Amino acid sequence: MKAIYSLLIGILVSQHLAAICVSEGFDFFYFVQQWPGSFCDTRTGCCYPQTGKPASDFSIHGLWPNYNNGSYPSNCDYRNPFNPRMISDLRIRLEKTWPSLACPRSEMLRFWSHEWIKHGTCSESILNQRAYFITALNLRNKVNLLQILVNAGIKPDGRLYSLGVIKEAITKATGYTPGIVCNLDRSGSSQLYQIFLCVDTSGSKFIECPVFPRQMCGSSIKFPSFGASTQL
């Protein structure tokens, strides 16, 4: 009896905390895109999705509600699970621009479900599930990061580029300073991994970032190609 009572209390507390998370809101979104070559060129490697090798272009990682102090809400409403039927007509676009490269290879619905449950539910008072994914797709269409970098002479050719020059190129093209996050390649060198742009709470306009993620980059970083040899 005591165990049942404790379980009920735990459920009620969890529901209360979820409701608080949603009602408190958030201050801005991080719109995060990642370079597939850097995701794959690590000691853990990558696995291409069932649809095959993604395009050699920046892909969406997520649209993440954030607070101005650098913290963020997560898993805000377990009562609102991912429903693939709500985005069935978006699937082709999502497979192209929001693929999963994680191993073991899994159906991409699992990745999208994770992003919705962990991040999307924390903005559900503004964007329902369908609107959440459409908003991310629209933001992706507004800024072509690869073209911006290539136009500035920064190409995914495995060479080292100045971190400052990369930031400057994106700032000049978008009007806003990006956050840059690096990871380490198989030899331990710092490489361009993720680019963060900040968006207002409506999800419609880019803004200056109130706070940036920890970049973990050197002053010069590699921009690797996205080749078939990096797949496990």
Protein backbone atom coordinates (compact mmCIF):
# COMPACT_ATOMS: atom_id res chain seq x y z
CA MET A 1 0.00 0.00 0.00
CA LYS A 2 2.82 2.37 0.92
CA ALA A 3 4.53 1.62 -2.41
CA ILE A 4 1.35 2.43 -4.35
CA TYR A 5 0.91 5.66 -2.39
CA SER A 6 4.51 6.67 -3.11
CA LEU A 7 4.04 5.91 -6.80
CA LEU A 8 0.92 8.07 -6.98
CA ILE A 9 2.70 10.94 -5.24
CA GLY A 10 5.59 10.62 -7.68
CA ILE A 11 3.26 10.78 -10.67
CA LEU A 12 1.47 13.84 -9.30
CA VAL A 13 4.75 15.61 -8.60
CA SER A 14 6.04 14.83 -12.11
CA GLN A 15 2.87 16.18 -13.68
CA HIS A 16 3.06 19.30 -11.53
CA LEU A 17 6.68 19.93 -12.51
CA ALA A 18 5.83 19.44 -16.18
CA ALA A 19 3.02 21.97 -15.93
CA ILE A 20 5.32 24.45 -14.19
CA CYS A 21 7.94 24.01 -16.93
CA VAL A 22 5.42 24.80 -19.65
CA SER A 23 3.83 27.71 -17.83
CA GLU A 24 7.13 29.41 -16.97
CA GLY A 25 7.98 29.77 -20.66
CA PHE A 26 11.43 30.49 -22.02
CA ASP A 27 13.44 33.44 -23.34
CA PHE A 28 14.59 32.41 -26.82
CA PHE A 29 15.31 29.46 -29.10
CA TYR A 30 18.64 28.08 -30.17
CA PHE A 31 18.34 26.97 -33.79
CA VAL A 32 21.12 24.43 -34.15
CA GLN A 33 22.58 23.08 -37.38
CA GLN A 34 25.40 20.57 -37.58
CA TRP A 35 27.97 19.58 -40.16
CA PRO A 36 27.63 15.85 -40.99
CA GLY A 37 31.31 15.50 -41.82
CA SER A 38 32.23 16.48 -38.26
CA PHE A 39 29.55 14.25 -36.74
CA CYS A 40 31.02 11.30 -38.62
CA ASP A 41 34.74 12.13 -38.36
CA THR A 42 35.05 11.10 -34.72
CA ARG A 43 36.26 7.99 -32.94
CA THR A 44 32.68 6.76 -32.64
CA GLY A 45 31.89 7.38 -36.32
CA CYS A 46 28.35 7.51 -37.68
CA CYS A 47 25.67 5.44 -39.38
CA TYR A 48 23.78 6.65 -42.41
CA PRO A 49 19.99 6.53 -42.16
CA GLN A 50 17.91 4.00 -44.08
CA THR A 51 17.36 6.61 -46.79
CA GLY A 52 21.10 6.61 -47.55
CA LYS A 53 23.92 9.12 -47.19
CA PRO A 54 22.56 12.62 -46.43
CA ALA A 55 23.55 15.58 -48.55
CA SER A 56 26.89 17.25 -47.90
CA ASP A 57 25.22 20.20 -46.25
CA PHE A 58 24.44 21.49 -42.79
CA SER A 59 21.47 19.66 -41.31
CA ILE A 60 19.12 20.56 -38.50
CA HIS A 61 19.97 19.26 -35.06
CA GLY A 62 17.17 20.98 -33.22
CA LEU A 63 15.16 23.99 -32.15
CA TRP A 64 15.79 24.36 -28.43
CA PRO A 65 14.02 26.67 -25.97
CA ASN A 66 16.54 28.39 -23.70
CA TYR A 67 16.80 30.83 -20.82
CA ASN A 68 18.88 33.99 -20.82
CA ASN A 69 21.05 32.61 -18.01
CA GLY A 70 22.23 29.74 -20.20
CA SER A 71 20.06 27.03 -18.69
CA TYR A 72 17.20 25.39 -20.53
CA PRO A 73 13.95 23.53 -19.89
CA SER A 74 13.59 19.95 -21.04
CA ASN A 75 11.04 17.14 -21.14
CA CYS A 76 8.28 19.53 -20.21
CA ASP A 77 5.16 17.51 -20.98
CA TYR A 78 5.12 13.73 -21.11
CA ARG A 79 1.38 13.96 -21.64
CA ASN A 80 2.01 15.26 -25.15
CA PRO A 81 3.95 12.48 -26.91
CA PHE A 82 5.30 12.60 -30.43
CA ASN A 83 2.64 11.85 -33.04
CA PRO A 84 4.16 11.04 -36.46
CA ARG A 85 0.81 11.51 -38.19
CA MET A 86 0.99 15.24 -37.47
CA ILE A 87 4.07 15.61 -39.69
CA SER A 88 3.48 12.83 -42.23
CA ASP A 89 3.32 15.31 -45.12
CA LEU A 90 6.62 16.87 -43.97
CA ARG A 91 8.54 13.62 -43.92
CA ILE A 92 10.41 14.01 -47.21
CA ARG A 93 11.59 17.50 -46.23
CA LEU A 94 12.57 16.32 -42.76
CA GLU A 95 14.49 13.32 -44.09
CA LYS A 96 16.48 15.67 -46.30
CA THR A 97 17.22 18.45 -43.81
CA TRP A 98 16.84 16.80 -40.38
CA PRO A 99 18.45 13.34 -40.70
CA SER A 100 19.92 11.21 -37.94
CA LEU A 101 23.50 9.95 -38.21
CA ALA A 102 23.58 8.23 -34.84
CA CYS A 103 24.56 4.60 -34.38
CA PRO A 104 23.13 2.06 -34.36
CA ARG A 105 21.13 3.05 -37.43
CA SER A 106 17.55 3.79 -36.46
CA GLU A 107 14.35 5.02 -38.01
CA MET A 108 14.48 8.82 -38.15
CA LEU A 109 11.15 9.07 -36.35
CA ARG A 110 13.03 8.15 -33.18
CA PHE A 111 15.32 11.17 -33.54
CA TRP A 112 12.45 13.54 -34.26
CA SER A 113 10.50 12.08 -31.34
CA HIS A 114 13.47 12.74 -29.05
CA GLU A 115 13.74 16.34 -30.19
CA TRP A 116 10.02 16.94 -29.71
CA ILE A 117 9.79 15.32 -26.28
CA LYS A 118 12.99 16.88 -24.88
CA HIS A 119 12.78 20.33 -26.47
CA GLY A 120 9.57 20.84 -28.42
CA THR A 121 7.24 20.20 -25.50
CA CYS A 122 8.84 23.14 -23.71
CA SER A 123 7.51 25.52 -26.36
CA GLU A 124 4.13 23.86 -26.88
CA SER A 125 2.26 26.87 -25.52
CA ILE A 126 3.49 28.70 -28.65
CA LEU A 127 4.15 25.95 -31.19
CA ASN A 128 2.23 22.70 -31.33
CA GLN A 129 4.07 19.67 -32.68
CA ARG A 130 3.36 20.36 -36.33
CA ALA A 131 4.20 24.06 -36.01
CA TYR A 132 7.42 23.18 -34.16
CA PHE A 133 8.78 21.15 -37.07
CA ILE A 134 7.51 23.57 -39.71
CA THR A 135 9.21 26.43 -37.85
CA ALA A 136 12.54 24.60 -37.87
CA LEU A 137 12.22 23.85 -41.58
CA ASN A 138 11.39 27.49 -42.34
CA LEU A 139 14.40 28.70 -40.35
CA ARG A 140 16.60 26.29 -42.26
CA ASN A 141 15.34 27.81 -45.51
CA LYS A 142 16.16 31.32 -44.32
CA VAL A 143 19.87 30.75 -43.88
CA ASN A 144 22.13 28.62 -46.09
CA LEU A 145 25.18 28.19 -43.88
CA LEU A 146 27.23 26.19 -46.35
CA GLN A 147 26.73 28.75 -49.11
CA ILE A 148 27.60 31.56 -46.71
CA LEU A 149 30.87 29.90 -45.77
CA VAL A 150 31.78 28.89 -49.33
CA ASN A 151 31.14 32.45 -50.51
CA ALA A 152 33.67 33.56 -47.90
CA GLY A 153 36.25 31.06 -49.16
CA ILE A 154 35.62 28.62 -46.31
CA LYS A 155 35.11 25.17 -47.81
CA PRO A 156 34.70 21.66 -46.36
CA ASP A 157 38.09 20.55 -47.65
CA GLY A 158 39.77 19.40 -44.44
CA ARG A 159 41.83 22.58 -44.09
CA LEU A 160 42.17 24.77 -41.01
CA TYR A 161 40.22 28.02 -40.88
CA SER A 162 40.22 30.86 -38.38
CA LEU A 163 37.33 30.60 -35.93
CA GLY A 164 37.03 34.38 -36.03
CA VAL A 165 36.78 34.42 -39.82
CA ILE A 166 34.03 31.77 -39.74
CA LYS A 167 32.03 33.79 -37.22
CA GLU A 168 32.58 36.99 -39.18
CA ALA A 169 31.32 35.42 -42.42
CA ILE A 170 28.10 34.22 -40.79
CA THR A 171 27.57 37.49 -38.94
CA LYS A 172 28.04 39.51 -42.12
CA ALA A 173 25.56 37.36 -44.06
CA THR A 174 22.85 37.01 -41.40
CA GLY A 175 23.27 40.16 -39.33
CA TYR A 176 23.66 38.10 -36.16
CA THR A 177 26.61 36.61 -34.31
CA PRO A 178 26.55 32.80 -34.27
CA GLY A 179 27.60 30.42 -31.56
CA ILE A 180 30.11 27.84 -32.77
CA VAL A 181 30.62 24.45 -31.16
CA CYS A 182 33.48 22.14 -32.09
CA ASN A 183 34.21 18.48 -31.54
CA LEU A 184 37.35 16.39 -32.01
CA ASP A 185 38.16 14.35 -35.08
CA ARG A 186 39.72 10.91 -34.95
CA SER A 187 43.19 12.39 -34.51
CA GLY A 188 42.09 14.75 -31.73
CA SER A 189 41.97 17.95 -33.80
CA SER A 190 39.25 20.56 -33.25
CA GLN A 191 36.70 20.76 -36.06
CA LEU A 192 33.59 22.76 -36.95
CA TYR A 193 30.64 20.79 -35.63
CA GLN A 194 27.56 22.89 -34.81
CA ILE A 195 26.39 26.42 -35.53
CA PHE A 196 23.89 28.08 -33.21
CA LEU A 197 21.68 31.00 -34.22
CA CYS A 198 19.20 32.53 -31.81
CA VAL A 199 15.52 33.02 -32.57
CA ASP A 200 12.75 34.91 -30.78
CA THR A 201 10.09 33.00 -28.85
CA SER A 202 7.67 33.10 -31.77
CA GLY A 203 10.19 31.15 -33.85
CA SER A 204 9.95 33.63 -36.69
CA LYS A 205 12.89 36.04 -36.33
CA PHE A 206 16.60 35.66 -35.74
CA ILE A 207 17.93 37.72 -32.84
CA GLU A 208 21.24 38.42 -31.13
CA CYS A 209 22.05 35.61 -28.75
CA PRO A 210 21.64 36.55 -25.07
CA VAL A 211 24.16 33.83 -24.22
CA PHE A 212 26.32 31.48 -26.25
CA PRO A 213 26.98 27.77 -25.78
CA ARG A 214 30.42 26.67 -24.68
CA GLN A 215 32.31 26.47 -27.96
CA MET A 216 35.23 24.13 -27.13
CA CYS A 217 37.10 25.37 -30.22
CA GLY A 218 40.65 26.36 -30.91
CA SER A 219 41.52 29.61 -32.66
CA SER A 220 41.83 27.63 -35.90
CA ILE A 221 39.52 24.71 -36.64
CA LYS A 222 39.18 22.09 -39.35
CA PHE A 223 36.25 22.06 -41.75
CA PRO A 224 36.20 18.40 -42.86
CA SER A 225 34.67 16.96 -45.97
CA PHE A 226 31.73 14.57 -45.66
CA GLY A 227 33.02 11.37 -47.21
CA ALA A 228 31.79 7.79 -47.31
CA SER A 229 34.85 6.51 -45.42
CA THR A 230 33.62 7.92 -42.10
CA GLN A 231 30.58 5.62 -41.87
CA LEU A 232 30.77 2.60 -39.57
